[in-house]
Amino acid sequence: MSTMPIGPNSRVTLHFALNFQDGGVIDSNFDGEAAVLVFGDGSLPYEFEQKLVGMTAGENGTFTLPPEQAFGQANPNNVQLFSRSDFAAELELVEGLVISFADARQSELPGVVKSVQDDQVTVDFNHPLAGATILFKVSILAVDTADAVNIVDTEHE
């Protein structure tokens, strides 16, 4: 087993879980295929990735990330009120519906319908996990150099 620590220029194979503080599961691959990522490739948010620095294959860890280190605090300015007439008449607006909007630069911006009351629709543009403290659990399976290439032994085939 390699003792190479996780850091720049490393490829990491791991199992991970993201949980709410109450134990509710947000995402996990512990019951499935391991994830493979290159340190710094953007697969994990920066603060999550920093928790892995120095870990080696065979190590496990559980880290608590407050909202400021996870998905940020919810910003009340990101909750907007719309008129029902701003939406297509055939669109069934229900609480929890995710709708794709375009921002000022025409980039996709998802919003979650929080409430529909009479002709008023409240849409939240905060990240769905904003304001949440996240428990980040990892099991490091392998650490290699990011430019490592699997060499096949063709001599013995």
N, C-alpha and C. Protein backbone atom coordinates (compact mmCIF):
# COMPACT_ATOMS: atom_id res chain seq x y z
N MET A 1 0.85 -1.18 0.00
CA MET A 1 0.00 0.00 0.00
C MET A 1 0.89 1.24 0.00
N SER A 2 0.58 2.17 -0.89
CA SER A 2 1.36 3.39 -1.03
C SER A 2 1.20 4.28 0.21
N THR A 3 2.28 4.94 0.57
CA THR A 3 2.21 5.88 1.69
C THR A 3 2.27 7.32 1.20
N MET A 4 2.08 7.50 -0.11
CA MET A 4 2.08 8.86 -0.68
C MET A 4 0.93 9.65 -0.06
N PRO A 5 1.21 10.85 0.47
CA PRO A 5 0.15 11.66 1.06
C PRO A 5 -0.63 12.43 -0.01
N ILE A 6 -1.87 12.70 0.29
CA ILE A 6 -2.70 13.50 -0.61
C ILE A 6 -2.20 14.94 -0.59
N GLY A 7 -2.08 15.50 -1.78
CA GLY A 7 -1.65 16.87 -1.95
C GLY A 7 -1.62 17.19 -3.43
N PRO A 8 -1.02 18.33 -3.80
CA PRO A 8 -0.93 18.68 -5.22
C PRO A 8 -0.32 17.53 -6.03
N ASN A 9 -0.82 17.37 -7.23
CA ASN A 9 -0.36 16.33 -8.16
C ASN A 9 -0.66 14.93 -7.68
N SER A 10 -1.75 14.76 -6.93
CA SER A 10 -2.12 13.40 -6.52
C SER A 10 -3.50 13.04 -7.06
N ARG A 11 -3.64 11.77 -7.38
CA ARG A 11 -4.91 11.19 -7.79
C ARG A 11 -5.38 10.34 -6.62
N VAL A 12 -6.62 10.58 -6.19
CA VAL A 12 -7.14 9.96 -4.99
C VAL A 12 -8.35 9.08 -5.34
N THR A 13 -8.34 7.86 -4.81
CA THR A 13 -9.48 6.97 -4.92
C THR A 13 -10.08 6.86 -3.52
N LEU A 14 -11.37 7.17 -3.40
CA LEU A 14 -11.95 7.23 -2.07
C LEU A 14 -13.43 6.91 -2.07
N HIS A 15 -13.89 6.52 -0.90
CA HIS A 15 -15.31 6.48 -0.61
C HIS A 15 -15.59 7.71 0.23
N PHE A 16 -16.77 8.30 0.05
CA PHE A 16 -17.11 9.49 0.83
C PHE A 16 -18.59 9.50 1.15
N ALA A 17 -18.93 10.25 2.17
CA ALA A 17 -20.33 10.50 2.50
C ALA A 17 -20.46 11.93 2.98
N LEU A 18 -21.53 12.57 2.58
CA LEU A 18 -21.90 13.89 3.09
C LEU A 18 -23.18 13.70 3.86
N ASN A 19 -23.18 14.13 5.11
CA ASN A 19 -24.35 13.99 5.96
C ASN A 19 -24.67 15.31 6.63
N PHE A 20 -25.96 15.47 6.97
CA PHE A 20 -26.36 16.57 7.83
C PHE A 20 -25.95 16.21 9.25
N GLN A 21 -25.94 17.19 10.14
CA GLN A 21 -25.57 16.94 11.53
C GLN A 21 -26.46 15.91 12.20
N ASP A 22 -27.73 15.84 11.78
CA ASP A 22 -28.65 14.88 12.40
C ASP A 22 -28.48 13.46 11.84
N GLY A 23 -27.50 13.28 10.94
CA GLY A 23 -27.23 11.96 10.38
C GLY A 23 -27.88 11.73 9.03
N GLY A 24 -28.77 12.60 8.61
CA GLY A 24 -29.41 12.45 7.31
C GLY A 24 -28.37 12.45 6.20
N VAL A 25 -28.52 11.53 5.26
CA VAL A 25 -27.55 11.38 4.17
C VAL A 25 -27.87 12.34 3.03
N ILE A 26 -26.85 13.08 2.63
CA ILE A 26 -26.96 13.96 1.47
C ILE A 26 -26.49 13.21 0.24
N ASP A 27 -25.32 12.58 0.35
CA ASP A 27 -24.73 11.83 -0.75
C ASP A 27 -23.71 10.86 -0.16
N SER A 28 -23.58 9.69 -0.77
CA SER A 28 -22.60 8.71 -0.30
C SER A 28 -22.31 7.72 -1.42
N ASN A 29 -21.06 7.28 -1.49
CA ASN A 29 -20.72 6.20 -2.42
C ASN A 29 -20.13 5.01 -1.67
N PHE A 30 -20.33 4.93 -0.36
CA PHE A 30 -19.80 3.82 0.42
C PHE A 30 -20.40 2.47 0.00
N ASP A 31 -21.61 2.49 -0.53
CA ASP A 31 -22.24 1.24 -0.98
C ASP A 31 -22.06 1.01 -2.47
N GLY A 32 -21.22 1.81 -3.11
CA GLY A 32 -21.04 1.69 -4.55
C GLY A 32 -19.58 1.79 -4.95
N GLU A 33 -19.39 2.21 -6.17
CA GLU A 33 -18.05 2.34 -6.73
C GLU A 33 -17.34 3.55 -6.12
N ALA A 34 -16.06 3.39 -5.85
CA ALA A 34 -15.26 4.49 -5.30
C ALA A 34 -15.12 5.61 -6.32
N ALA A 35 -14.96 6.82 -5.81
CA ALA A 35 -14.72 7.98 -6.66
C ALA A 35 -13.22 8.14 -6.86
N VAL A 36 -12.85 8.65 -8.02
CA VAL A 36 -11.46 8.95 -8.32
C VAL A 36 -11.40 10.42 -8.71
N LEU A 37 -10.52 11.17 -8.06
CA LEU A 37 -10.38 12.59 -8.39
C LEU A 37 -8.92 12.98 -8.36
N VAL A 38 -8.63 14.02 -9.08
CA VAL A 38 -7.29 14.59 -9.06
C VAL A 38 -7.34 15.80 -8.14
N PHE A 39 -6.44 15.84 -7.18
CA PHE A 39 -6.40 16.93 -6.22
C PHE A 39 -6.35 18.26 -6.97
N GLY A 40 -7.28 19.16 -6.67
CA GLY A 40 -7.30 20.48 -7.28
C GLY A 40 -8.09 20.56 -8.58
N ASP A 41 -8.75 19.47 -8.99
CA ASP A 41 -9.47 19.48 -10.27
C ASP A 41 -10.87 20.07 -10.17
N GLY A 42 -11.29 20.46 -8.97
CA GLY A 42 -12.61 21.06 -8.80
C GLY A 42 -13.71 20.05 -8.52
N SER A 43 -13.37 18.77 -8.42
CA SER A 43 -14.38 17.75 -8.11
C SER A 43 -14.97 17.95 -6.73
N LEU A 44 -14.15 18.42 -5.82
CA LEU A 44 -14.60 18.71 -4.45
C LEU A 44 -14.42 20.19 -4.18
N PRO A 45 -15.32 20.77 -3.40
CA PRO A 45 -15.10 22.16 -2.97
C PRO A 45 -13.76 22.27 -2.24
N TYR A 46 -13.11 23.41 -2.37
CA TYR A 46 -11.78 23.65 -1.82
C TYR A 46 -11.67 23.24 -0.36
N GLU A 47 -12.59 23.67 0.48
CA GLU A 47 -12.51 23.38 1.91
C GLU A 47 -12.61 21.88 2.20
N PHE A 48 -13.40 21.16 1.41
CA PHE A 48 -13.50 19.71 1.58
C PHE A 48 -12.16 19.08 1.21
N GLU A 49 -11.62 19.52 0.08
CA GLU A 49 -10.34 18.98 -0.40
C GLU A 49 -9.22 19.22 0.61
N GLN A 50 -9.22 20.37 1.25
CA GLN A 50 -8.16 20.68 2.21
C GLN A 50 -8.16 19.73 3.39
N LYS A 51 -9.32 19.18 3.72
CA LYS A 51 -9.40 18.20 4.83
C LYS A 51 -8.65 16.92 4.49
N LEU A 52 -8.45 16.65 3.21
CA LEU A 52 -7.78 15.42 2.77
C LEU A 52 -6.26 15.53 2.74
N VAL A 53 -5.74 16.76 2.75
CA VAL A 53 -4.29 16.96 2.62
C VAL A 53 -3.54 16.17 3.69
N GLY A 54 -2.56 15.39 3.23
CA GLY A 54 -1.71 14.62 4.14
C GLY A 54 -2.22 13.23 4.43
N MET A 55 -3.49 12.95 4.10
CA MET A 55 -4.01 11.60 4.35
C MET A 55 -3.37 10.63 3.36
N THR A 56 -3.28 9.35 3.75
CA THR A 56 -2.71 8.32 2.89
C THR A 56 -3.69 7.16 2.75
N ALA A 57 -3.39 6.27 1.81
CA ALA A 57 -4.25 5.11 1.58
C ALA A 57 -4.43 4.33 2.88
N GLY A 58 -5.66 3.91 3.14
CA GLY A 58 -5.99 3.16 4.34
C GLY A 58 -6.51 4.02 5.47
N GLU A 59 -6.39 5.34 5.35
CA GLU A 59 -6.88 6.23 6.40
C GLU A 59 -8.35 6.55 6.21
N ASN A 60 -9.01 6.79 7.34
CA ASN A 60 -10.41 7.22 7.36
C ASN A 60 -10.50 8.51 8.15
N GLY A 61 -11.49 9.31 7.84
CA GLY A 61 -11.66 10.54 8.59
C GLY A 61 -13.10 11.02 8.52
N THR A 62 -13.50 11.75 9.55
CA THR A 62 -14.79 12.41 9.58
C THR A 62 -14.54 13.85 9.98
N PHE A 63 -15.02 14.77 9.16
CA PHE A 63 -14.76 16.19 9.37
C PHE A 63 -16.08 16.95 9.42
N THR A 64 -16.16 17.91 10.31
CA THR A 64 -17.33 18.77 10.42
C THR A 64 -17.00 20.09 9.74
N LEU A 65 -17.81 20.45 8.77
CA LEU A 65 -17.62 21.70 8.04
C LEU A 65 -18.79 22.62 8.31
N PRO A 66 -18.55 23.77 8.97
CA PRO A 66 -19.63 24.73 9.18
C PRO A 66 -20.05 25.32 7.83
N PRO A 67 -21.20 25.95 7.78
CA PRO A 67 -21.69 26.49 6.49
C PRO A 67 -20.65 27.33 5.74
N GLU A 68 -19.87 28.12 6.46
CA GLU A 68 -18.88 28.99 5.82
C GLU A 68 -17.80 28.19 5.09
N GLN A 69 -17.57 26.96 5.49
CA GLN A 69 -16.56 26.12 4.84
C GLN A 69 -17.21 25.10 3.90
N ALA A 70 -18.52 25.06 3.89
CA ALA A 70 -19.22 24.08 3.05
C ALA A 70 -19.89 24.82 1.88
N PHE A 71 -21.17 25.10 2.01
CA PHE A 71 -21.91 25.70 0.90
C PHE A 71 -22.39 27.11 1.21
N GLY A 72 -21.80 27.73 2.24
CA GLY A 72 -22.11 29.11 2.57
C GLY A 72 -23.39 29.26 3.37
N GLN A 73 -23.56 30.45 3.87
CA GLN A 73 -24.80 30.79 4.58
C GLN A 73 -25.87 31.14 3.56
N ALA A 74 -27.09 30.89 3.91
CA ALA A 74 -28.20 31.31 3.04
C ALA A 74 -28.25 32.84 3.04
N ASN A 75 -28.42 33.41 1.87
CA ASN A 75 -28.49 34.86 1.72
C ASN A 75 -29.95 35.23 1.44
N PRO A 76 -30.57 35.99 2.34
CA PRO A 76 -31.98 36.35 2.14
C PRO A 76 -32.21 37.11 0.84
N ASN A 77 -31.18 37.78 0.32
CA ASN A 77 -31.31 38.49 -0.96
C ASN A 77 -31.44 37.54 -2.14
N ASN A 78 -31.14 36.26 -1.92
CA ASN A 78 -31.26 35.26 -2.99
C ASN A 78 -32.65 34.63 -3.03
N VAL A 79 -33.56 35.12 -2.21
CA VAL A 79 -34.95 34.67 -2.23
C VAL A 79 -35.75 35.78 -2.91
N GLN A 80 -36.38 35.42 -4.03
CA GLN A 80 -37.06 36.42 -4.86
C GLN A 80 -38.55 36.10 -4.98
N LEU A 81 -39.35 37.16 -5.11
CA LEU A 81 -40.79 37.02 -5.32
C LEU A 81 -41.10 37.27 -6.79
N PHE A 82 -41.93 36.41 -7.35
CA PHE A 82 -42.36 36.54 -8.74
C PHE A 82 -43.87 36.52 -8.79
N SER A 83 -44.39 37.04 -9.86
CA SER A 83 -45.82 36.94 -10.14
C SER A 83 -46.06 35.61 -10.85
N ARG A 84 -47.21 34.99 -10.61
CA ARG A 84 -47.54 33.73 -11.28
C ARG A 84 -47.47 33.91 -12.80
N SER A 85 -47.80 35.10 -13.28
CA SER A 85 -47.81 35.37 -14.72
C SER A 85 -46.40 35.40 -15.33
N ASP A 86 -45.36 35.40 -14.48
CA ASP A 86 -43.99 35.34 -14.99
C ASP A 86 -43.62 33.94 -15.49
N PHE A 87 -44.47 32.95 -15.21
CA PHE A 87 -44.21 31.56 -15.57
C PHE A 87 -45.23 31.10 -16.61
N ALA A 88 -44.85 30.10 -17.38
CA ALA A 88 -45.77 29.53 -18.37
C ALA A 88 -47.03 29.04 -17.67
N ALA A 89 -48.17 29.29 -18.27
CA ALA A 89 -49.46 28.94 -17.66
C ALA A 89 -49.58 27.45 -17.39
N GLU A 90 -48.98 26.62 -18.25
CA GLU A 90 -49.10 25.17 -18.09
C GLU A 90 -48.12 24.60 -17.05
N LEU A 91 -47.19 25.42 -16.57
CA LEU A 91 -46.22 24.96 -15.57
C LEU A 91 -46.90 24.82 -14.20
N GLU A 92 -46.87 23.61 -13.65
CA GLU A 92 -47.46 23.39 -12.34
C GLU A 92 -46.44 23.79 -11.28
N LEU A 93 -46.67 24.91 -10.63
CA LEU A 93 -45.76 25.43 -9.63
C LEU A 93 -46.09 24.82 -8.27
N VAL A 94 -45.19 23.98 -7.76
CA VAL A 94 -45.37 23.35 -6.46
C VAL A 94 -44.10 23.55 -5.64
N GLU A 95 -44.27 23.55 -4.33
CA GLU A 95 -43.15 23.70 -3.42
C GLU A 95 -42.11 22.61 -3.69
N GLY A 96 -40.82 23.03 -3.81
CA GLY A 96 -39.74 22.08 -4.05
C GLY A 96 -39.35 21.94 -5.51
N LEU A 97 -40.18 22.46 -6.42
CA LEU A 97 -39.87 22.38 -7.85
C LEU A 97 -38.62 23.20 -8.15
N VAL A 98 -37.68 22.59 -8.88
CA VAL A 98 -36.47 23.30 -9.31
C VAL A 98 -36.71 23.80 -10.72
N ILE A 99 -36.50 25.09 -10.90
CA ILE A 99 -36.72 25.73 -12.20
C ILE A 99 -35.40 26.35 -12.64
N SER A 100 -35.10 26.24 -13.91
CA SER A 100 -33.89 26.82 -14.47
C SER A 100 -34.20 28.23 -14.97
N PHE A 101 -33.45 29.20 -14.46
CA PHE A 101 -33.57 30.59 -14.87
C PHE A 101 -32.27 30.96 -15.58
N ALA A 102 -32.26 32.09 -16.25
CA ALA A 102 -31.03 32.62 -16.85
C ALA A 102 -30.66 33.87 -16.07
N ASP A 103 -29.38 33.96 -15.68
CA ASP A 103 -28.94 35.16 -14.97
C ASP A 103 -28.62 36.26 -15.99
N ALA A 104 -28.07 37.37 -15.51
CA ALA A 104 -27.79 38.52 -16.38
C ALA A 104 -26.83 38.18 -17.52
N ARG A 105 -25.97 37.19 -17.31
CA ARG A 105 -25.01 36.77 -18.35
C ARG A 105 -25.53 35.58 -19.16
N GLN A 106 -26.81 35.27 -18.97
CA GLN A 106 -27.46 34.16 -19.66
C GLN A 106 -26.93 32.79 -19.25
N SER A 107 -26.30 32.72 -18.07
CA SER A 107 -25.87 31.44 -17.51
C SER A 107 -27.05 30.82 -16.77
N GLU A 108 -27.06 29.50 -16.72
CA GLU A 108 -28.15 28.79 -16.04
C GLU A 108 -28.06 29.03 -14.54
N LEU A 109 -29.21 29.33 -13.95
CA LEU A 109 -29.29 29.58 -12.52
C LEU A 109 -30.52 28.84 -11.98
N PRO A 110 -30.28 27.74 -11.22
CA PRO A 110 -31.44 27.01 -10.70
C PRO A 110 -32.05 27.72 -9.50
N GLY A 111 -33.36 27.68 -9.43
CA GLY A 111 -34.09 28.23 -8.30
C GLY A 111 -35.10 27.21 -7.80
N VAL A 112 -35.35 27.19 -6.51
CA VAL A 112 -36.29 26.24 -5.91
C VAL A 112 -37.53 27.00 -5.46
N VAL A 113 -38.68 26.54 -5.92
CA VAL A 113 -39.95 27.15 -5.50
C VAL A 113 -40.14 26.85 -4.02
N LYS A 114 -40.23 27.90 -3.22
CA LYS A 114 -40.42 27.75 -1.77
C LYS A 114 -41.89 27.83 -1.38
N SER A 115 -42.64 28.65 -2.10
CA SER A 115 -44.07 28.74 -1.80
C SER A 115 -44.81 29.34 -2.99
N VAL A 116 -46.10 29.00 -3.08
CA VAL A 116 -46.99 29.56 -4.09
C VAL A 116 -48.24 29.98 -3.33
N GLN A 117 -48.48 31.28 -3.31
CA GLN A 117 -49.66 31.81 -2.61
C GLN A 117 -50.36 32.79 -3.52
N ASP A 118 -51.58 32.44 -3.88
CA ASP A 118 -52.38 33.24 -4.79
C ASP A 118 -51.58 33.49 -6.08
N ASP A 119 -51.25 34.75 -6.35
CA ASP A 119 -50.50 35.08 -7.57
C ASP A 119 -49.02 35.32 -7.29
N GLN A 120 -48.54 34.95 -6.09
CA GLN A 120 -47.16 35.22 -5.71
C GLN A 120 -46.38 33.91 -5.56
N VAL A 121 -45.21 33.85 -6.22
CA VAL A 121 -44.35 32.67 -6.18
C VAL A 121 -43.01 33.09 -5.57
N THR A 122 -42.62 32.38 -4.50
CA THR A 122 -41.34 32.65 -3.84
C THR A 122 -40.33 31.63 -4.33
N VAL A 123 -39.19 32.11 -4.86
CA VAL A 123 -38.15 31.25 -5.41
C VAL A 123 -36.84 31.53 -4.67
N ASP A 124 -36.18 30.45 -4.24
CA ASP A 124 -34.92 30.55 -3.51
C ASP A 124 -33.77 30.16 -4.44
N PHE A 125 -32.83 31.09 -4.63
CA PHE A 125 -31.67 30.85 -5.50
C PHE A 125 -30.42 30.48 -4.71
N ASN A 126 -30.54 30.30 -3.39
CA ASN A 126 -29.41 29.84 -2.59
C ASN A 126 -29.10 28.39 -2.95
N HIS A 127 -27.86 27.97 -2.71
CA HIS A 127 -27.52 26.55 -2.86
C HIS A 127 -28.42 25.77 -1.92
N PRO A 128 -28.94 24.61 -2.33
CA PRO A 128 -29.84 23.85 -1.46
C PRO A 128 -29.23 23.48 -0.10
N LEU A 129 -27.90 23.43 -0.01
CA LEU A 129 -27.26 23.09 1.26
C LEU A 129 -26.72 24.33 2.00
N ALA A 130 -27.04 25.52 1.51
CA ALA A 130 -26.60 26.74 2.18
C ALA A 130 -27.14 26.77 3.60
N GLY A 131 -26.29 27.15 4.53
CA GLY A 131 -26.68 27.25 5.93
C GLY A 131 -26.52 25.96 6.71
N ALA A 132 -26.19 24.88 6.03
CA ALA A 132 -26.08 23.58 6.69
C ALA A 132 -24.64 23.28 7.12
N THR A 133 -24.50 22.72 8.32
CA THR A 133 -23.23 22.16 8.76
C THR A 133 -23.16 20.75 8.18
N ILE A 134 -22.06 20.43 7.53
CA ILE A 134 -21.92 19.17 6.82
C ILE A 134 -20.89 18.27 7.50
N LEU A 135 -21.24 17.00 7.67
CA LEU A 135 -20.28 15.99 8.13
C LEU A 135 -19.74 15.30 6.89
N PHE A 136 -18.44 15.36 6.72
CA PHE A 136 -17.75 14.82 5.55
C PHE A 136 -16.94 13.62 6.01
N LYS A 137 -17.36 12.44 5.59
CA LYS A 137 -16.70 11.21 5.99
C LYS A 137 -15.97 10.64 4.77
N VAL A 138 -14.71 10.23 4.96
CA VAL A 138 -13.93 9.69 3.85
C VAL A 138 -13.19 8.43 4.27
N SER A 139 -12.97 7.57 3.30
CA SER A 139 -12.11 6.41 3.43
C SER A 139 -11.20 6.42 2.21
N ILE A 140 -9.92 6.65 2.44
CA ILE A 140 -8.96 6.77 1.35
C ILE A 140 -8.52 5.37 0.94
N LEU A 141 -8.77 5.01 -0.31
CA LEU A 141 -8.43 3.68 -0.81
C LEU A 141 -7.07 3.65 -1.49
N ALA A 142 -6.74 4.72 -2.24
CA ALA A 142 -5.45 4.77 -2.94
C ALA A 142 -5.06 6.21 -3.20
N VAL A 143 -3.76 6.46 -3.22
CA VAL A 143 -3.21 7.76 -3.57
C VAL A 143 -2.05 7.51 -4.53
N ASP A 144 -2.12 8.10 -5.70
CA ASP A 144 -1.08 7.97 -6.72
C ASP A 144 -0.74 9.36 -7.23
N THR A 145 0.31 9.44 -8.05
CA THR A 145 0.59 10.71 -8.70
C THR A 145 -0.45 10.91 -9.78
N ALA A 146 -0.83 12.14 -10.01
CA ALA A 146 -1.89 12.45 -10.97
C ALA A 146 -1.51 12.04 -12.38
N ASP A 147 -0.23 12.02 -12.68
CA ASP A 147 0.19 11.65 -14.02
C ASP A 147 0.59 10.17 -14.12
N ALA A 148 0.26 9.39 -13.07
CA ALA A 148 0.58 7.96 -13.10
C ALA A 148 -0.24 7.28 -14.19
N VAL A 149 0.40 6.40 -14.91
CA VAL A 149 -0.26 5.66 -15.98
C VAL A 149 -0.24 4.19 -15.61
N ASN A 150 -1.39 3.55 -15.76
CA ASN A 150 -1.44 2.11 -15.49
C ASN A 150 -0.68 1.39 -16.61
N ILE A 151 0.33 0.66 -16.22
CA ILE A 151 1.14 -0.08 -17.19
C ILE A 151 0.67 -1.53 -17.20
N VAL A 152 0.30 -2.00 -18.35
CA VAL A 152 -0.19 -3.36 -18.51
C VAL A 152 0.98 -4.27 -18.80
N ASP A 153 1.04 -5.37 -18.08
CA ASP A 153 2.11 -6.35 -18.28
C ASP A 153 1.70 -7.27 -19.42
N THR A 154 2.12 -6.93 -20.65
CA THR A 154 1.74 -7.72 -21.82
C THR A 154 2.64 -8.94 -21.98
N GLU A 155 3.75 -8.95 -21.31
CA GLU A 155 4.69 -10.06 -21.43
C GLU A 155 4.13 -11.36 -20.91
N HIS A 156 3.24 -11.29 -19.91
CA HIS A 156 2.72 -12.50 -19.28
C HIS A 156 1.28 -12.81 -19.67
N GLU A 157 0.77 -12.22 -20.74
CA GLU A 157 -0.61 -12.49 -21.16
C GLU A 157 -0.67 -13.67 -22.06
